[in-house]
Amino acid sequence: MIPNIVFIALRYAFIGLLYVFLILVVRAIYRDIKTPDDSARPSRRRKKEQPQLVVITADRNVGAKYMLSDEINIGRAGSSDVLIDDTYASQQHARIYPHDDMYCVEDLGSTNGTYVNGRKISYPLELRVGDRIKIGKTVFEFRV
């Protein structure tokens, strides 16, 4: 038979583990309540996470970066936010705009169309990181 002292030791060990578990739970709850949410706290990572268009293929300006904060228009017109010197691009070719927590690209009725990942789009399309947008001979990559 097992002596009583073993049962008493096991009982105290179990109660000790229960207290350690409760302390860890209370500590986790306290951290969740005490820590401000990410939107209230400035972060260095947040600046790097700003969406951008990067020119990856073009006659010139390869590597150019265009930060996205609001709606931008892409085309050959001088009033375009992103000016493309490409005869295959329309004056007002496409626009990229924020919608909820994402960005969308929309063709503005261009002659040669706007392509995302090799597919011609005919309606606004949600952009994902790494998507390639082709306007004329110019190819942009959407990055965050």
N, C-alpha and C. Protein backbone atom coordinates (compact mmCIF):
# COMPACT_ATOMS: atom_id res chain seq x y z
N MET A 1 0.82 -1.19 0.00
CA MET A 1 0.00 0.00 0.00
C MET A 1 0.87 1.26 0.00
N ILE A 2 0.30 2.30 -0.51
CA ILE A 2 1.00 3.58 -0.58
C ILE A 2 0.72 4.35 0.71
N PRO A 3 1.78 4.88 1.30
CA PRO A 3 1.58 5.63 2.55
C PRO A 3 0.77 6.91 2.32
N ASN A 4 0.14 7.39 3.38
CA ASN A 4 -0.68 8.60 3.33
C ASN A 4 0.12 9.83 2.91
N ILE A 5 1.37 9.86 3.25
CA ILE A 5 2.20 11.03 2.94
C ILE A 5 2.29 11.28 1.43
N VAL A 6 2.25 10.22 0.62
CA VAL A 6 2.31 10.37 -0.84
C VAL A 6 1.02 11.04 -1.33
N PHE A 7 -0.13 10.61 -0.81
CA PHE A 7 -1.39 11.24 -1.19
C PHE A 7 -1.43 12.70 -0.79
N ILE A 8 -0.94 13.01 0.36
CA ILE A 8 -0.91 14.41 0.83
C ILE A 8 0.02 15.23 -0.07
N ALA A 9 1.18 14.70 -0.43
CA ALA A 9 2.12 15.40 -1.30
C ALA A 9 1.51 15.63 -2.68
N LEU A 10 0.84 14.61 -3.23
CA LEU A 10 0.19 14.77 -4.53
C LEU A 10 -0.92 15.82 -4.48
N ARG A 11 -1.67 15.83 -3.38
CA ARG A 11 -2.74 16.80 -3.23
C ARG A 11 -2.17 18.22 -3.22
N TYR A 12 -1.08 18.46 -2.47
CA TYR A 12 -0.46 19.78 -2.43
C TYR A 12 0.18 20.17 -3.77
N ALA A 13 0.74 19.19 -4.45
CA ALA A 13 1.32 19.47 -5.77
C ALA A 13 0.21 19.87 -6.75
N PHE A 14 -0.93 19.19 -6.69
CA PHE A 14 -2.05 19.52 -7.56
C PHE A 14 -2.57 20.93 -7.25
N ILE A 15 -2.72 21.27 -6.00
CA ILE A 15 -3.18 22.61 -5.61
C ILE A 15 -2.17 23.66 -6.06
N GLY A 16 -0.88 23.37 -5.94
CA GLY A 16 0.15 24.30 -6.38
C GLY A 16 0.07 24.54 -7.89
N LEU A 17 -0.10 23.47 -8.67
CA LEU A 17 -0.25 23.61 -10.12
C LEU A 17 -1.50 24.40 -10.49
N LEU A 18 -2.57 24.21 -9.72
CA LEU A 18 -3.79 24.95 -9.96
C LEU A 18 -3.56 26.45 -9.75
N TYR A 19 -2.84 26.81 -8.69
CA TYR A 19 -2.53 28.21 -8.42
C TYR A 19 -1.63 28.80 -9.52
N VAL A 20 -0.66 28.05 -9.98
CA VAL A 20 0.22 28.54 -11.06
C VAL A 20 -0.61 28.78 -12.32
N PHE A 21 -1.52 27.87 -12.63
CA PHE A 21 -2.39 28.04 -13.79
C PHE A 21 -3.25 29.30 -13.65
N LEU A 22 -3.85 29.49 -12.49
CA LEU A 22 -4.69 30.68 -12.28
C LEU A 22 -3.88 31.97 -12.38
N ILE A 23 -2.67 31.97 -11.88
CA ILE A 23 -1.81 33.15 -11.97
C ILE A 23 -1.49 33.46 -13.43
N LEU A 24 -1.19 32.44 -14.22
CA LEU A 24 -0.90 32.65 -15.64
C LEU A 24 -2.12 33.18 -16.39
N VAL A 25 -3.31 32.68 -16.07
CA VAL A 25 -4.53 33.16 -16.72
C VAL A 25 -4.78 34.62 -16.37
N VAL A 26 -4.67 34.97 -15.10
CA VAL A 26 -4.88 36.36 -14.67
C VAL A 26 -3.85 37.28 -15.32
N ARG A 27 -2.62 36.84 -15.41
CA ARG A 27 -1.55 37.64 -16.04
C ARG A 27 -1.84 37.87 -17.52
N ALA A 28 -2.31 36.86 -18.22
CA ALA A 28 -2.64 37.00 -19.64
C ALA A 28 -3.81 37.97 -19.83
N ILE A 29 -4.82 37.86 -19.00
CA ILE A 29 -5.96 38.78 -19.08
C ILE A 29 -5.51 40.20 -18.79
N TYR A 30 -4.68 40.39 -17.80
CA TYR A 30 -4.18 41.71 -17.46
C TYR A 30 -3.40 42.32 -18.62
N ARG A 31 -2.57 41.54 -19.29
CA ARG A 31 -1.80 42.05 -20.43
C ARG A 31 -2.72 42.46 -21.58
N ASP A 32 -3.76 41.68 -21.83
CA ASP A 32 -4.71 42.03 -22.89
C ASP A 32 -5.44 43.33 -22.59
N ILE A 33 -5.80 43.52 -21.34
CA ILE A 33 -6.52 44.73 -20.96
C ILE A 33 -5.58 45.93 -20.94
N LYS A 34 -4.38 45.75 -20.46
CA LYS A 34 -3.43 46.85 -20.27
C LYS A 34 -2.79 47.31 -21.57
N THR A 35 -2.55 46.42 -22.52
CA THR A 35 -1.86 46.76 -23.76
C THR A 35 -2.79 47.53 -24.67
N PRO A 36 -2.38 48.73 -25.14
CA PRO A 36 -3.23 49.45 -26.07
C PRO A 36 -3.24 48.74 -27.41
N ASP A 37 -4.34 48.92 -28.16
CA ASP A 37 -4.41 48.26 -29.47
C ASP A 37 -3.40 48.89 -30.42
N ASP A 38 -3.08 48.18 -31.49
CA ASP A 38 -2.02 48.60 -32.41
C ASP A 38 -2.31 49.92 -33.10
N SER A 39 -3.58 50.26 -33.30
CA SER A 39 -3.90 51.50 -34.01
C SER A 39 -3.60 52.73 -33.16
N ALA A 40 -3.61 52.61 -31.85
CA ALA A 40 -3.36 53.75 -30.98
C ALA A 40 -1.87 53.96 -30.75
N ARG A 41 -1.07 52.97 -30.99
CA ARG A 41 0.36 53.05 -30.70
C ARG A 41 1.14 53.20 -32.00
N PRO A 42 1.96 54.26 -32.12
CA PRO A 42 2.76 54.40 -33.33
C PRO A 42 3.79 53.29 -33.42
N SER A 43 4.05 52.85 -34.63
CA SER A 43 4.97 51.74 -34.81
C SER A 43 5.85 51.99 -36.03
N ARG A 44 7.08 51.57 -35.95
CA ARG A 44 7.97 51.70 -37.10
C ARG A 44 7.52 50.79 -38.23
N ARG A 45 6.99 49.63 -37.88
CA ARG A 45 6.53 48.69 -38.90
C ARG A 45 5.37 49.28 -39.70
N ARG A 46 4.52 50.07 -39.07
CA ARG A 46 3.36 50.60 -39.74
C ARG A 46 3.76 51.46 -40.94
N LYS A 47 4.85 52.22 -40.82
CA LYS A 47 5.30 53.05 -41.93
C LYS A 47 5.73 52.19 -43.12
N LYS A 48 6.37 51.08 -42.85
CA LYS A 48 6.82 50.20 -43.92
C LYS A 48 5.66 49.44 -44.54
N GLU A 49 4.53 49.36 -43.81
CA GLU A 49 3.40 48.61 -44.30
C GLU A 49 2.49 49.45 -45.18
N GLN A 50 2.90 50.67 -45.51
CA GLN A 50 2.07 51.49 -46.39
C GLN A 50 2.09 50.89 -47.79
N PRO A 51 0.92 50.67 -48.36
CA PRO A 51 0.86 50.07 -49.69
C PRO A 51 1.57 50.95 -50.72
N GLN A 52 2.14 50.30 -51.71
CA GLN A 52 2.85 51.03 -52.76
C GLN A 52 2.81 50.25 -54.07
N LEU A 53 2.97 51.00 -55.14
CA LEU A 53 3.12 50.42 -56.47
C LEU A 53 4.58 50.58 -56.85
N VAL A 54 5.18 49.52 -57.34
CA VAL A 54 6.58 49.56 -57.76
C VAL A 54 6.63 49.18 -59.24
N VAL A 55 7.29 50.03 -60.02
CA VAL A 55 7.44 49.75 -61.45
C VAL A 55 8.48 48.65 -61.61
N ILE A 56 8.09 47.53 -62.21
CA ILE A 56 9.05 46.43 -62.38
C ILE A 56 9.42 46.21 -63.84
N THR A 57 8.58 46.67 -64.77
CA THR A 57 8.90 46.57 -66.19
C THR A 57 8.39 47.82 -66.88
N ALA A 58 9.29 48.50 -67.58
CA ALA A 58 8.90 49.70 -68.33
C ALA A 58 10.06 50.12 -69.21
N ASP A 59 9.79 51.07 -70.12
CA ASP A 59 10.86 51.62 -70.94
C ASP A 59 11.83 52.44 -70.08
N ARG A 60 11.28 53.07 -69.03
CA ARG A 60 12.10 53.82 -68.07
C ARG A 60 11.39 53.84 -66.73
N ASN A 61 12.07 54.36 -65.73
CA ASN A 61 11.55 54.45 -64.35
C ASN A 61 11.39 53.09 -63.66
N VAL A 62 12.12 52.09 -64.08
CA VAL A 62 12.05 50.80 -63.40
C VAL A 62 12.55 51.00 -61.96
N GLY A 63 11.79 50.48 -61.02
CA GLY A 63 12.14 50.62 -59.61
C GLY A 63 11.47 51.80 -58.94
N ALA A 64 10.79 52.64 -59.70
CA ALA A 64 10.09 53.79 -59.11
C ALA A 64 8.98 53.28 -58.19
N LYS A 65 8.82 53.96 -57.05
CA LYS A 65 7.80 53.56 -56.07
C LYS A 65 6.79 54.67 -55.92
N TYR A 66 5.52 54.29 -55.89
CA TYR A 66 4.43 55.23 -55.70
C TYR A 66 3.65 54.80 -54.47
N MET A 67 3.71 55.62 -53.43
CA MET A 67 3.02 55.29 -52.18
C MET A 67 1.52 55.51 -52.36
N LEU A 68 0.74 54.60 -51.84
CA LEU A 68 -0.71 54.68 -51.94
C LEU A 68 -1.28 55.11 -50.59
N SER A 69 -1.93 56.24 -50.58
CA SER A 69 -2.62 56.65 -49.37
C SER A 69 -4.06 57.00 -49.69
N ASP A 70 -4.29 57.46 -50.90
CA ASP A 70 -5.62 57.82 -51.36
C ASP A 70 -5.75 57.33 -52.80
N GLU A 71 -6.79 57.70 -53.46
CA GLU A 71 -7.00 57.29 -54.84
C GLU A 71 -5.92 57.88 -55.75
N ILE A 72 -5.41 57.06 -56.67
CA ILE A 72 -4.47 57.56 -57.67
C ILE A 72 -4.94 57.16 -59.05
N ASN A 73 -4.71 58.05 -60.01
CA ASN A 73 -5.03 57.78 -61.41
C ASN A 73 -3.74 57.52 -62.16
N ILE A 74 -3.79 56.56 -63.07
CA ILE A 74 -2.63 56.18 -63.86
C ILE A 74 -2.96 56.41 -65.33
N GLY A 75 -2.06 57.06 -66.04
CA GLY A 75 -2.29 57.29 -67.45
C GLY A 75 -1.25 58.20 -68.06
N ARG A 76 -1.48 58.60 -69.33
CA ARG A 76 -0.54 59.47 -70.05
C ARG A 76 -0.84 60.94 -69.84
N ALA A 77 -2.04 61.28 -69.36
CA ALA A 77 -2.43 62.68 -69.18
C ALA A 77 -1.55 63.35 -68.13
N GLY A 78 -1.28 64.62 -68.34
CA GLY A 78 -0.46 65.37 -67.38
C GLY A 78 -1.11 65.47 -66.01
N SER A 79 -2.42 65.32 -65.94
CA SER A 79 -3.12 65.40 -64.66
C SER A 79 -3.11 64.08 -63.89
N SER A 80 -2.53 63.03 -64.47
CA SER A 80 -2.48 61.72 -63.80
C SER A 80 -1.54 61.77 -62.61
N ASP A 81 -1.87 61.03 -61.57
CA ASP A 81 -1.00 60.94 -60.40
C ASP A 81 0.25 60.13 -60.73
N VAL A 82 0.09 59.08 -61.51
CA VAL A 82 1.22 58.28 -61.98
C VAL A 82 1.24 58.43 -63.50
N LEU A 83 2.22 59.16 -63.97
CA LEU A 83 2.33 59.48 -65.39
C LEU A 83 3.13 58.39 -66.09
N ILE A 84 2.54 57.81 -67.14
CA ILE A 84 3.19 56.75 -67.91
C ILE A 84 3.49 57.29 -69.30
N ASP A 85 4.72 57.19 -69.72
CA ASP A 85 5.10 57.60 -71.07
C ASP A 85 5.07 56.33 -71.94
N ASP A 86 3.86 55.94 -72.32
CA ASP A 86 3.65 54.68 -73.02
C ASP A 86 2.52 54.87 -74.03
N THR A 87 2.80 54.66 -75.29
CA THR A 87 1.78 54.86 -76.33
C THR A 87 0.63 53.87 -76.23
N TYR A 88 0.83 52.75 -75.53
CA TYR A 88 -0.23 51.77 -75.36
C TYR A 88 -1.14 52.08 -74.18
N ALA A 89 -0.83 53.10 -73.42
CA ALA A 89 -1.65 53.50 -72.28
C ALA A 89 -2.57 54.64 -72.71
N SER A 90 -3.78 54.66 -72.18
CA SER A 90 -4.73 55.73 -72.46
C SER A 90 -4.40 56.95 -71.61
N GLN A 91 -5.03 58.08 -71.96
CA GLN A 91 -4.82 59.30 -71.19
C GLN A 91 -5.20 59.09 -69.72
N GLN A 92 -6.37 58.58 -69.48
CA GLN A 92 -6.82 58.17 -68.14
C GLN A 92 -7.07 56.68 -68.21
N HIS A 93 -6.10 55.89 -67.84
CA HIS A 93 -6.14 54.46 -68.09
C HIS A 93 -6.80 53.67 -66.95
N ALA A 94 -6.31 53.87 -65.74
CA ALA A 94 -6.81 53.08 -64.61
C ALA A 94 -6.72 53.91 -63.34
N ARG A 95 -7.40 53.43 -62.31
CA ARG A 95 -7.28 54.07 -61.01
C ARG A 95 -7.16 53.00 -59.94
N ILE A 96 -6.45 53.37 -58.89
CA ILE A 96 -6.33 52.49 -57.72
C ILE A 96 -6.85 53.29 -56.54
N TYR A 97 -7.74 52.69 -55.79
CA TYR A 97 -8.40 53.43 -54.71
C TYR A 97 -8.60 52.53 -53.50
N PRO A 98 -8.62 53.16 -52.31
CA PRO A 98 -8.88 52.38 -51.09
C PRO A 98 -10.37 52.08 -50.97
N HIS A 99 -10.65 50.88 -50.50
CA HIS A 99 -12.03 50.47 -50.25
C HIS A 99 -12.01 49.58 -49.01
N ASP A 100 -12.63 50.04 -47.94
CA ASP A 100 -12.56 49.39 -46.63
C ASP A 100 -11.09 49.29 -46.21
N ASP A 101 -10.58 48.11 -45.96
CA ASP A 101 -9.18 47.94 -45.55
C ASP A 101 -8.33 47.37 -46.67
N MET A 102 -8.74 47.58 -47.91
CA MET A 102 -7.99 47.03 -49.03
C MET A 102 -7.89 48.08 -50.13
N TYR A 103 -7.17 47.75 -51.18
CA TYR A 103 -7.07 48.61 -52.35
C TYR A 103 -7.63 47.87 -53.55
N CYS A 104 -8.29 48.62 -54.43
CA CYS A 104 -8.87 48.05 -55.64
C CYS A 104 -8.30 48.75 -56.85
N VAL A 105 -8.23 48.04 -57.96
CA VAL A 105 -7.81 48.62 -59.24
C VAL A 105 -9.01 48.54 -60.17
N GLU A 106 -9.17 49.60 -60.97
CA GLU A 106 -10.30 49.67 -61.89
C GLU A 106 -9.83 50.25 -63.22
N ASP A 107 -10.22 49.63 -64.30
CA ASP A 107 -9.92 50.15 -65.63
C ASP A 107 -10.91 51.27 -65.93
N LEU A 108 -10.42 52.36 -66.48
CA LEU A 108 -11.28 53.52 -66.76
C LEU A 108 -11.73 53.57 -68.22
N GLY A 109 -12.01 52.42 -68.80
CA GLY A 109 -12.48 52.35 -70.17
C GLY A 109 -11.36 52.54 -71.18
N SER A 110 -10.19 52.08 -70.84
CA SER A 110 -9.03 52.25 -71.72
C SER A 110 -9.18 51.42 -72.99
N THR A 111 -8.43 51.82 -74.01
CA THR A 111 -8.49 51.12 -75.29
C THR A 111 -7.88 49.72 -75.21
N ASN A 112 -6.70 49.62 -74.59
CA ASN A 112 -5.98 48.34 -74.55
C ASN A 112 -6.23 47.53 -73.29
N GLY A 113 -6.95 48.06 -72.34
CA GLY A 113 -7.30 47.32 -71.14
C GLY A 113 -6.23 47.34 -70.07
N THR A 114 -6.64 46.93 -68.89
CA THR A 114 -5.76 46.80 -67.72
C THR A 114 -5.74 45.33 -67.35
N TYR A 115 -4.55 44.82 -67.09
CA TYR A 115 -4.38 43.41 -66.77
C TYR A 115 -3.84 43.25 -65.35
N VAL A 116 -4.40 42.32 -64.61
CA VAL A 116 -3.91 41.98 -63.28
C VAL A 116 -3.52 40.51 -63.32
N ASN A 117 -2.24 40.25 -63.09
CA ASN A 117 -1.70 38.89 -63.13
C ASN A 117 -2.02 38.19 -64.45
N GLY A 118 -1.93 38.95 -65.54
CA GLY A 118 -2.12 38.38 -66.87
C GLY A 118 -3.56 38.29 -67.33
N ARG A 119 -4.51 38.70 -66.50
CA ARG A 119 -5.92 38.63 -66.88
C ARG A 119 -6.50 40.03 -67.04
N LYS A 120 -7.19 40.23 -68.13
CA LYS A 120 -7.82 41.53 -68.39
C LYS A 120 -8.99 41.71 -67.42
N ILE A 121 -9.06 42.89 -66.81
CA ILE A 121 -10.15 43.12 -65.85
C ILE A 121 -11.21 44.00 -66.50
N SER A 122 -12.45 43.75 -66.14
CA SER A 122 -13.56 44.55 -66.65
C SER A 122 -14.40 45.12 -65.51
N TYR A 123 -13.95 44.93 -64.28
CA TYR A 123 -14.65 45.42 -63.10
C TYR A 123 -13.60 45.70 -62.04
N PRO A 124 -13.92 46.50 -61.02
CA PRO A 124 -12.94 46.76 -59.96
C PRO A 124 -12.52 45.45 -59.29
N LEU A 125 -11.22 45.33 -59.05
CA LEU A 125 -10.67 44.09 -58.51
C LEU A 125 -9.83 44.41 -57.28
N GLU A 126 -10.01 43.62 -56.22
CA GLU A 126 -9.23 43.78 -54.99
C GLU A 126 -7.79 43.37 -55.26
N LEU A 127 -6.86 44.21 -54.80
CA LEU A 127 -5.44 43.91 -54.98
C LEU A 127 -4.92 43.14 -53.79
N ARG A 128 -4.05 42.19 -54.07
CA ARG A 128 -3.36 41.44 -53.03
C ARG A 128 -1.87 41.67 -53.18
N VAL A 129 -1.14 41.50 -52.11
CA VAL A 129 0.31 41.71 -52.15
C VAL A 129 0.92 40.82 -53.21
N GLY A 130 1.73 41.43 -54.07
CA GLY A 130 2.40 40.68 -55.13
C GLY A 130 1.66 40.71 -56.46
N ASP A 131 0.44 41.24 -56.49
CA ASP A 131 -0.29 41.32 -57.75
C ASP A 131 0.46 42.20 -58.73
N ARG A 132 0.44 41.81 -59.99
CA ARG A 132 1.10 42.58 -61.05
C ARG A 132 0.04 43.21 -61.94
N ILE A 133 0.16 44.51 -62.08
CA ILE A 133 -0.80 45.30 -62.86
C ILE A 133 -0.09 45.76 -64.12
N LYS A 134 -0.64 45.37 -65.28
CA LYS A 134 -0.03 45.74 -66.54
C LYS A 134 -0.89 46.78 -67.23
N ILE A 135 -0.27 47.91 -67.52
CA ILE A 135 -0.92 49.00 -68.24
C ILE A 135 -0.01 49.33 -69.41
N GLY A 136 -0.46 49.01 -70.61
CA GLY A 136 0.40 49.16 -71.78
C GLY A 136 1.59 48.23 -71.66
N LYS A 137 2.79 48.79 -71.78
CA LYS A 137 4.01 47.98 -71.61
C LYS A 137 4.54 48.05 -70.19
N THR A 138 3.92 48.87 -69.36
CA THR A 138 4.38 49.09 -68.00
C THR A 138 3.74 48.10 -67.05
N VAL A 139 4.56 47.48 -66.20
CA VAL A 139 4.06 46.53 -65.22
C VAL A 139 4.41 47.05 -63.83
N PHE A 140 3.40 47.12 -62.97
CA PHE A 140 3.55 47.52 -61.57
C PHE A 140 3.36 46.30 -60.70
N GLU A 141 3.97 46.32 -59.53
CA GLU A 141 3.71 45.29 -58.53
C GLU A 141 3.16 45.98 -57.30
N PHE A 142 2.07 45.42 -56.75
CA PHE A 142 1.45 45.95 -55.54
C PHE A 142 2.15 45.35 -54.34
N ARG A 143 2.69 46.22 -53.50
CA ARG A 143 3.43 45.76 -52.31
C ARG A 143 2.93 46.47 -51.06
N VAL A 144 3.16 45.83 -49.94
CA VAL A 144 2.82 46.43 -48.65
C VAL A 144 4.05 46.46 -47.79
